[in-house]
Each structure stands twice: as structure tokens, then as C-alpha cells.
All heavy atoms as atom14 arrays in JSON, in Angstrom:
{
  "sequence": "RGVDVVYDPVGGAAYTQSTKVVAFEGRIVVVGFA",
  "atom14_mask": [
    [1, 1, 1, 1, 1, 1, 1, 1, 1, 1, 1, 0, 0, 0],
    [1, 1, 1, 1, 0, 0, 0, 0, 0, 0, 0, 0, 0, 0],
    [1, 1, 1, 1, 1, 1, 1, 0, 0, 0, 0, 0, 0, 0],
    [1, 1, 1, 1, 1, 1, 1, 1, 0, 0, 0, 0, 0, 0],
    [1, 1, 1, 1, 1, 1, 1, 0, 0, 0, 0, 0, 0, 0],
    [1, 1, 1, 1, 1, 1, 1, 0, 0, 0, 0, 0, 0, 0],
    [1, 1, 1, 1, 1, 1, 1, 1, 1, 1, 1, 1, 0, 0],
    [1, 1, 1, 1, 1, 1, 1, 1, 0, 0, 0, 0, 0, 0],
    [1, 1, 1, 1, 1, 1, 1, 0, 0, 0, 0, 0, 0, 0],
    [1, 1, 1, 1, 1, 1, 1, 0, 0, 0, 0, 0, 0, 0],
    [1, 1, 1, 1, 0, 0, 0, 0, 0, 0, 0, 0, 0, 0],
    [1, 1, 1, 1, 0, 0, 0, 0, 0, 0, 0, 0, 0, 0],
    [1, 1, 1, 1, 1, 0, 0, 0, 0, 0, 0, 0, 0, 0],
    [1, 1, 1, 1, 1, 0, 0, 0, 0, 0, 0, 0, 0, 0],
    [1, 1, 1, 1, 1, 1, 1, 1, 1, 1, 1, 1, 0, 0],
    [1, 1, 1, 1, 1, 1, 1, 0, 0, 0, 0, 0, 0, 0],
    [1, 1, 1, 1, 1, 1, 1, 1, 1, 0, 0, 0, 0, 0],
    [1, 1, 1, 1, 1, 1, 0, 0, 0, 0, 0, 0, 0, 0],
    [1, 1, 1, 1, 1, 1, 1, 0, 0, 0, 0, 0, 0, 0],
    [1, 1, 1, 1, 1, 1, 1, 1, 1, 0, 0, 0, 0, 0],
    [1, 1, 1, 1, 1, 1, 1, 0, 0, 0, 0, 0, 0, 0],
    [1, 1, 1, 1, 1, 1, 1, 0, 0, 0, 0, 0, 0, 0],
    [1, 1, 1, 1, 1, 0, 0, 0, 0, 0, 0, 0, 0, 0],
    [1, 1, 1, 1, 1, 1, 1, 1, 1, 1, 1, 0, 0, 0],
    [1, 1, 1, 1, 1, 1, 1, 1, 1, 0, 0, 0, 0, 0],
    [1, 1, 1, 1, 0, 0, 0, 0, 0, 0, 0, 0, 0, 0],
    [1, 1, 1, 1, 1, 1, 1, 1, 1, 1, 1, 0, 0, 0],
    [1, 1, 1, 1, 1, 1, 1, 1, 0, 0, 0, 0, 0, 0],
    [1, 1, 1, 1, 1, 1, 1, 0, 0, 0, 0, 0, 0, 0],
    [1, 1, 1, 1, 1, 1, 1, 0, 0, 0, 0, 0, 0, 0],
    [1, 1, 1, 1, 1, 1, 1, 0, 0, 0, 0, 0, 0, 0],
    [1, 1, 1, 1, 0, 0, 0, 0, 0, 0, 0, 0, 0, 0],
    [1, 1, 1, 1, 1, 1, 1, 1, 1, 1, 1, 0, 0, 0],
    [1, 1, 1, 1, 1, 0, 0, 0, 0, 0, 0, 0, 0, 0]
  ],
  "atom14_positions": [
    [[-29.7, 22.68, 118.65], [-30.35, 23.81, 118.04], [-31.83, 23.39, 117.46], [-32.72, 24.19, 117.45], [-29.55, 24.31, 116.96], [-30.15, 25.45, 116.04], [-29.2, 25.97, 114.91], [-29.86, 26.99, 114.2], [-30.66, 26.65, 113.1], [-30.93, 25.38, 112.78], [-31.23, 27.62, 112.39], [0.0, 0.0, 0.0], [0.0, 0.0, 0.0], [0.0, 0.0, 0.0]],
    [[-31.89, 22.18, 116.91], [-33.04, 21.72, 116.27], [-32.98, 21.95, 114.74], [-31.89, 22.32, 114.2], [0.0, 0.0, 0.0], [0.0, 0.0, 0.0], [0.0, 0.0, 0.0], [0.0, 0.0, 0.0], [0.0, 0.0, 0.0], [0.0, 0.0, 0.0], [0.0, 0.0, 0.0], [0.0, 0.0, 0.0], [0.0, 0.0, 0.0], [0.0, 0.0, 0.0]],
    [[-33.95, 21.57, 113.96], [-34.01, 21.61, 112.57], [-34.76, 22.83, 111.98], [-35.7, 23.24, 112.58], [-34.52, 20.35, 112.0], [-33.73, 19.14, 112.48], [-35.99, 20.07, 112.35], [0.0, 0.0, 0.0], [0.0, 0.0, 0.0], [0.0, 0.0, 0.0], [0.0, 0.0, 0.0], [0.0, 0.0, 0.0], [0.0, 0.0, 0.0], [0.0, 0.0, 0.0]],
    [[-34.27, 23.32, 110.86], [-34.97, 24.5, 110.13], [-36.32, 24.1, 109.59], [-37.27, 24.85, 109.6], [-33.98, 25.04, 109.18], [-32.79, 25.56, 109.76], [-32.81, 26.57, 110.59], [-31.67, 24.9, 109.51], [0.0, 0.0, 0.0], [0.0, 0.0, 0.0], [0.0, 0.0, 0.0], [0.0, 0.0, 0.0], [0.0, 0.0, 0.0], [0.0, 0.0, 0.0]],
    [[-36.31, 22.89, 108.94], [-37.52, 22.47, 108.07], [-37.84, 21.03, 108.52], [-36.9, 20.18, 108.6], [-37.32, 22.63, 106.66], [-38.54, 22.1, 105.87], [-37.11, 24.1, 106.32], [0.0, 0.0, 0.0], [0.0, 0.0, 0.0], [0.0, 0.0, 0.0], [0.0, 0.0, 0.0], [0.0, 0.0, 0.0], [0.0, 0.0, 0.0], [0.0, 0.0, 0.0]],
    [[-39.14, 20.73, 108.8], [-39.61, 19.32, 108.94], [-40.54, 18.98, 107.84], [-41.41, 19.77, 107.49], [-40.27, 19.16, 110.33], [-40.76, 17.64, 110.43], [-39.37, 19.49, 111.53], [0.0, 0.0, 0.0], [0.0, 0.0, 0.0], [0.0, 0.0, 0.0], [0.0, 0.0, 0.0], [0.0, 0.0, 0.0], [0.0, 0.0, 0.0], [0.0, 0.0, 0.0]],
    [[-40.24, 17.85, 107.22], [-41.14, 17.25, 106.21], [-41.95, 16.19, 106.69], [-41.35, 15.11, 106.99], [-40.35, 16.96, 104.94], [-41.21, 16.83, 103.7], [-41.62, 17.72, 102.85], [-41.45, 15.46, 103.22], [-42.25, 17.54, 101.74], [-42.08, 15.1, 102.12], [-42.59, 16.27, 101.33], [-43.22, 16.0, 100.19], [0.0, 0.0, 0.0], [0.0, 0.0, 0.0]],
    [[-43.29, 16.26, 106.87], [-44.01, 15.29, 107.66], [-45.12, 14.68, 106.83], [-46.25, 15.29, 106.78], [-44.49, 15.77, 108.97], [-45.3, 14.86, 109.86], [-45.22, 13.66, 109.49], [-45.9, 15.21, 110.78], [0.0, 0.0, 0.0], [0.0, 0.0, 0.0], [0.0, 0.0, 0.0], [0.0, 0.0, 0.0], [0.0, 0.0, 0.0], [0.0, 0.0, 0.0]],
    [[-45.03, 13.42, 106.28], [-46.05, 12.85, 105.66], [-46.8, 11.79, 106.62], [-47.59, 11.04, 106.16], [-45.46, 12.08, 104.49], [-44.0, 11.77, 105.03], [-43.73, 12.75, 105.96], [0.0, 0.0, 0.0], [0.0, 0.0, 0.0], [0.0, 0.0, 0.0], [0.0, 0.0, 0.0], [0.0, 0.0, 0.0], [0.0, 0.0, 0.0], [0.0, 0.0, 0.0]],
    [[-46.48, 11.85, 107.84], [-46.89, 10.76, 108.75], [-47.99, 11.24, 109.75], [-48.91, 10.63, 109.95], [-45.7, 10.21, 109.54], [-46.15, 9.13, 110.6], [-44.62, 9.65, 108.67], [0.0, 0.0, 0.0], [0.0, 0.0, 0.0], [0.0, 0.0, 0.0], [0.0, 0.0, 0.0], [0.0, 0.0, 0.0], [0.0, 0.0, 0.0], [0.0, 0.0, 0.0]],
    [[-47.8, 12.47, 110.37], [-48.66, 12.92, 111.36], [-48.55, 12.09, 112.65], [-47.59, 11.51, 112.91], [0.0, 0.0, 0.0], [0.0, 0.0, 0.0], [0.0, 0.0, 0.0], [0.0, 0.0, 0.0], [0.0, 0.0, 0.0], [0.0, 0.0, 0.0], [0.0, 0.0, 0.0], [0.0, 0.0, 0.0], [0.0, 0.0, 0.0], [0.0, 0.0, 0.0]],
    [[-49.6, 12.19, 113.49], [-49.57, 11.41, 114.78], [-48.34, 11.77, 115.7], [-48.09, 12.97, 115.91], [0.0, 0.0, 0.0], [0.0, 0.0, 0.0], [0.0, 0.0, 0.0], [0.0, 0.0, 0.0], [0.0, 0.0, 0.0], [0.0, 0.0, 0.0], [0.0, 0.0, 0.0], [0.0, 0.0, 0.0], [0.0, 0.0, 0.0], [0.0, 0.0, 0.0]],
    [[-47.74, 10.81, 116.17], [-46.63, 10.98, 117.1], [-45.48, 11.71, 116.34], [-44.67, 12.33, 116.98], [-46.19, 9.63, 117.65], [0.0, 0.0, 0.0], [0.0, 0.0, 0.0], [0.0, 0.0, 0.0], [0.0, 0.0, 0.0], [0.0, 0.0, 0.0], [0.0, 0.0, 0.0], [0.0, 0.0, 0.0], [0.0, 0.0, 0.0], [0.0, 0.0, 0.0]],
    [[-45.36, 11.45, 114.97], [-44.23, 12.09, 114.29], [-44.36, 13.64, 114.45], [-43.36, 14.39, 114.5], [-44.16, 11.6, 112.82], [0.0, 0.0, 0.0], [0.0, 0.0, 0.0], [0.0, 0.0, 0.0], [0.0, 0.0, 0.0], [0.0, 0.0, 0.0], [0.0, 0.0, 0.0], [0.0, 0.0, 0.0], [0.0, 0.0, 0.0], [0.0, 0.0, 0.0]],
    [[-45.62, 14.12, 114.33], [-45.82, 15.58, 114.31], [-45.43, 16.02, 115.7], [-44.83, 17.14, 115.73], [-47.3, 15.91, 113.97], [-47.55, 17.33, 114.16], [-47.23, 18.22, 113.12], [-48.0, 17.91, 115.35], [-47.45, 19.6, 113.28], [-48.16, 19.29, 115.5], [-47.9, 20.08, 114.48], [-48.12, 21.53, 114.55], [0.0, 0.0, 0.0], [0.0, 0.0, 0.0]],
    [[-45.82, 15.36, 116.77], [-45.48, 15.84, 118.14], [-43.95, 15.92, 118.28], [-43.46, 16.84, 118.79], [-46.11, 14.8, 119.12], [-47.63, 14.74, 119.0], [-45.83, 15.27, 120.57], [0.0, 0.0, 0.0], [0.0, 0.0, 0.0], [0.0, 0.0, 0.0], [0.0, 0.0, 0.0], [0.0, 0.0, 0.0], [0.0, 0.0, 0.0], [0.0, 0.0, 0.0]],
    [[-43.31, 14.91, 117.8], [-41.87, 14.95, 117.8], [-41.35, 16.19, 116.99], [-40.36, 16.77, 117.5], [-41.22, 13.75, 117.12], [-41.52, 12.39, 117.96], [-41.21, 11.17, 117.17], [-41.0, 11.16, 115.99], [-41.3, 9.99, 117.95], [0.0, 0.0, 0.0], [0.0, 0.0, 0.0], [0.0, 0.0, 0.0], [0.0, 0.0, 0.0], [0.0, 0.0, 0.0]],
    [[-41.91, 16.45, 115.94], [-41.41, 17.61, 115.14], [-41.53, 18.91, 115.9], [-40.69, 19.7, 115.85], [-42.24, 17.67, 113.91], [-42.3, 16.53, 113.02], [0.0, 0.0, 0.0], [0.0, 0.0, 0.0], [0.0, 0.0, 0.0], [0.0, 0.0, 0.0], [0.0, 0.0, 0.0], [0.0, 0.0, 0.0], [0.0, 0.0, 0.0], [0.0, 0.0, 0.0]],
    [[-42.6, 19.13, 116.69], [-42.73, 20.4, 117.45], [-41.67, 20.46, 118.54], [-41.3, 21.6, 118.93], [-44.15, 20.38, 118.14], [-44.23, 19.38, 119.08], [-45.23, 20.33, 117.04], [0.0, 0.0, 0.0], [0.0, 0.0, 0.0], [0.0, 0.0, 0.0], [0.0, 0.0, 0.0], [0.0, 0.0, 0.0], [0.0, 0.0, 0.0], [0.0, 0.0, 0.0]],
    [[-41.12, 19.25, 118.88], [-40.04, 19.34, 120.01], [-38.7, 19.57, 119.36], [-37.69, 19.95, 120.2], [-40.13, 18.09, 120.7], [-41.35, 17.93, 121.57], [-41.42, 16.63, 122.25], [-42.64, 16.44, 123.01], [-42.76, 15.17, 123.85], [0.0, 0.0, 0.0], [0.0, 0.0, 0.0], [0.0, 0.0, 0.0], [0.0, 0.0, 0.0], [0.0, 0.0, 0.0]],
    [[-38.5, 19.41, 118.15], [-37.1, 19.55, 117.57], [-36.99, 20.6, 116.44], [-35.97, 20.9, 115.93], [-36.66, 18.23, 116.84], [-36.64, 17.1, 117.82], [-37.55, 17.87, 115.65], [0.0, 0.0, 0.0], [0.0, 0.0, 0.0], [0.0, 0.0, 0.0], [0.0, 0.0, 0.0], [0.0, 0.0, 0.0], [0.0, 0.0, 0.0], [0.0, 0.0, 0.0]],
    [[-38.17, 21.27, 116.22], [-38.05, 22.46, 115.2], [-37.39, 23.65, 115.82], [-37.57, 23.95, 116.97], [-39.41, 22.8, 114.7], [-40.36, 23.37, 115.72], [-39.33, 23.71, 113.53], [0.0, 0.0, 0.0], [0.0, 0.0, 0.0], [0.0, 0.0, 0.0], [0.0, 0.0, 0.0], [0.0, 0.0, 0.0], [0.0, 0.0, 0.0], [0.0, 0.0, 0.0]],
    [[-36.48, 24.21, 115.11], [-35.72, 25.32, 115.56], [-36.58, 26.63, 115.61], [-37.67, 26.71, 115.06], [-34.46, 25.56, 114.7], [0.0, 0.0, 0.0], [0.0, 0.0, 0.0], [0.0, 0.0, 0.0], [0.0, 0.0, 0.0], [0.0, 0.0, 0.0], [0.0, 0.0, 0.0], [0.0, 0.0, 0.0], [0.0, 0.0, 0.0], [0.0, 0.0, 0.0]],
    [[-35.97, 27.61, 116.32], [-36.6, 28.97, 116.25], [-36.72, 29.41, 114.82], [-35.8, 29.36, 114.04], [-35.7, 29.89, 117.08], [-36.21, 31.35, 117.07], [-37.22, 31.67, 118.15], [-35.72, 32.32, 116.34], [-37.67, 32.98, 118.19], [-36.23, 33.62, 116.47], [-37.22, 33.96, 117.35], [0.0, 0.0, 0.0], [0.0, 0.0, 0.0], [0.0, 0.0, 0.0]],
    [[-37.98, 29.87, 114.54], [-38.3, 30.37, 113.15], [-38.24, 29.15, 112.18], [-38.03, 29.42, 111.0], [-37.49, 31.62, 112.67], [-37.83, 32.8, 113.38], [-37.28, 34.0, 112.78], [-36.21, 33.94, 112.05], [-37.88, 35.06, 112.99], [0.0, 0.0, 0.0], [0.0, 0.0, 0.0], [0.0, 0.0, 0.0], [0.0, 0.0, 0.0], [0.0, 0.0, 0.0]],
    [[-38.39, 27.93, 112.6], [-38.38, 26.77, 111.76], [-39.86, 26.64, 111.07], [-40.7, 27.42, 111.37], [0.0, 0.0, 0.0], [0.0, 0.0, 0.0], [0.0, 0.0, 0.0], [0.0, 0.0, 0.0], [0.0, 0.0, 0.0], [0.0, 0.0, 0.0], [0.0, 0.0, 0.0], [0.0, 0.0, 0.0], [0.0, 0.0, 0.0], [0.0, 0.0, 0.0]],
    [[-39.92, 25.65, 110.17], [-41.07, 25.42, 109.43], [-41.46, 23.95, 109.42], [-40.5, 23.08, 109.04], [-40.94, 25.94, 107.96], [-40.79, 27.45, 107.82], [-39.37, 27.91, 108.0], [-38.56, 27.64, 106.77], [-37.24, 27.67, 106.74], [-36.51, 27.9, 107.87], [-36.58, 27.47, 105.6], [0.0, 0.0, 0.0], [0.0, 0.0, 0.0], [0.0, 0.0, 0.0]],
    [[-42.67, 23.59, 109.86], [-43.06, 22.18, 109.61], [-43.99, 22.19, 108.53], [-45.05, 22.76, 108.54], [-43.84, 21.82, 110.95], [-42.89, 21.87, 112.24], [-44.41, 20.33, 110.85], [-43.59, 21.6, 113.54], [0.0, 0.0, 0.0], [0.0, 0.0, 0.0], [0.0, 0.0, 0.0], [0.0, 0.0, 0.0], [0.0, 0.0, 0.0], [0.0, 0.0, 0.0]],
    [[-43.73, 21.3, 107.55], [-44.58, 21.14, 106.44], [-45.38, 19.85, 106.67], [-44.82, 18.84, 106.61], [-43.74, 21.08, 105.11], [-44.63, 21.01, 103.87], [-42.78, 22.14, 104.99], [0.0, 0.0, 0.0], [0.0, 0.0, 0.0], [0.0, 0.0, 0.0], [0.0, 0.0, 0.0], [0.0, 0.0, 0.0], [0.0, 0.0, 0.0], [0.0, 0.0, 0.0]],
    [[-46.74, 20.1, 106.64], [-47.61, 18.9, 106.86], [-47.95, 18.41, 105.47], [-48.74, 19.15, 104.72], [-48.83, 19.35, 107.77], [-49.84, 18.16, 107.85], [-48.49, 19.91, 109.07], [0.0, 0.0, 0.0], [0.0, 0.0, 0.0], [0.0, 0.0, 0.0], [0.0, 0.0, 0.0], [0.0, 0.0, 0.0], [0.0, 0.0, 0.0], [0.0, 0.0, 0.0]],
    [[-47.64, 17.23, 105.09], [-47.9, 16.61, 103.87], [-49.01, 15.52, 103.76], [-49.72, 15.39, 102.83], [-46.59, 15.98, 103.22], [-46.77, 15.57, 101.82], [-45.39, 17.05, 103.22], [0.0, 0.0, 0.0], [0.0, 0.0, 0.0], [0.0, 0.0, 0.0], [0.0, 0.0, 0.0], [0.0, 0.0, 0.0], [0.0, 0.0, 0.0], [0.0, 0.0, 0.0]],
    [[-49.13, 14.82, 105.03], [-50.18, 13.78, 104.97], [-50.18, 13.15, 106.35], [-49.41, 13.48, 107.28], [0.0, 0.0, 0.0], [0.0, 0.0, 0.0], [0.0, 0.0, 0.0], [0.0, 0.0, 0.0], [0.0, 0.0, 0.0], [0.0, 0.0, 0.0], [0.0, 0.0, 0.0], [0.0, 0.0, 0.0], [0.0, 0.0, 0.0], [0.0, 0.0, 0.0]],
    [[-50.96, 12.14, 106.52], [-51.24, 11.47, 107.76], [-51.27, 9.87, 107.6], [-52.22, 9.21, 107.82], [-52.53, 11.91, 108.3], [-52.77, 13.37, 108.35], [-53.5, 14.05, 107.41], [-51.99, 14.14, 109.27], [-53.79, 15.31, 107.31], [-52.07, 15.64, 109.17], [-52.94, 16.13, 108.26], [0.0, 0.0, 0.0], [0.0, 0.0, 0.0], [0.0, 0.0, 0.0]],
    [[-50.0, 9.45, 107.17], [-49.87, 7.97, 106.9], [-50.14, 7.21, 108.22], [-50.44, 6.0, 108.11], [-48.54, 7.75, 106.24], [0.0, 0.0, 0.0], [0.0, 0.0, 0.0], [0.0, 0.0, 0.0], [0.0, 0.0, 0.0], [0.0, 0.0, 0.0], [0.0, 0.0, 0.0], [0.0, 0.0, 0.0], [0.0, 0.0, 0.0], [0.0, 0.0, 0.0]]
  ]
}
């Protein structure tokens, strides 16, 4: 199914992974780019 919310302080490859696992109507929260 994927995840409802992603909390991402990393960016880069981590963000790309997030887009592949976020569920329908999920939310990706961009916090930073460590």
C-alpha cells in the first residue's frame, strides 16, 4: 500500500524513494536537505 506520511529531512535520493512509497493521497513533508 505504501505510507500515508513521509517526513524527509534528507532530500536527494531519499526524496526519490519517498515518491515511490507514498500511498494514494499521502503527504510528503519536506523538512531539509541534509
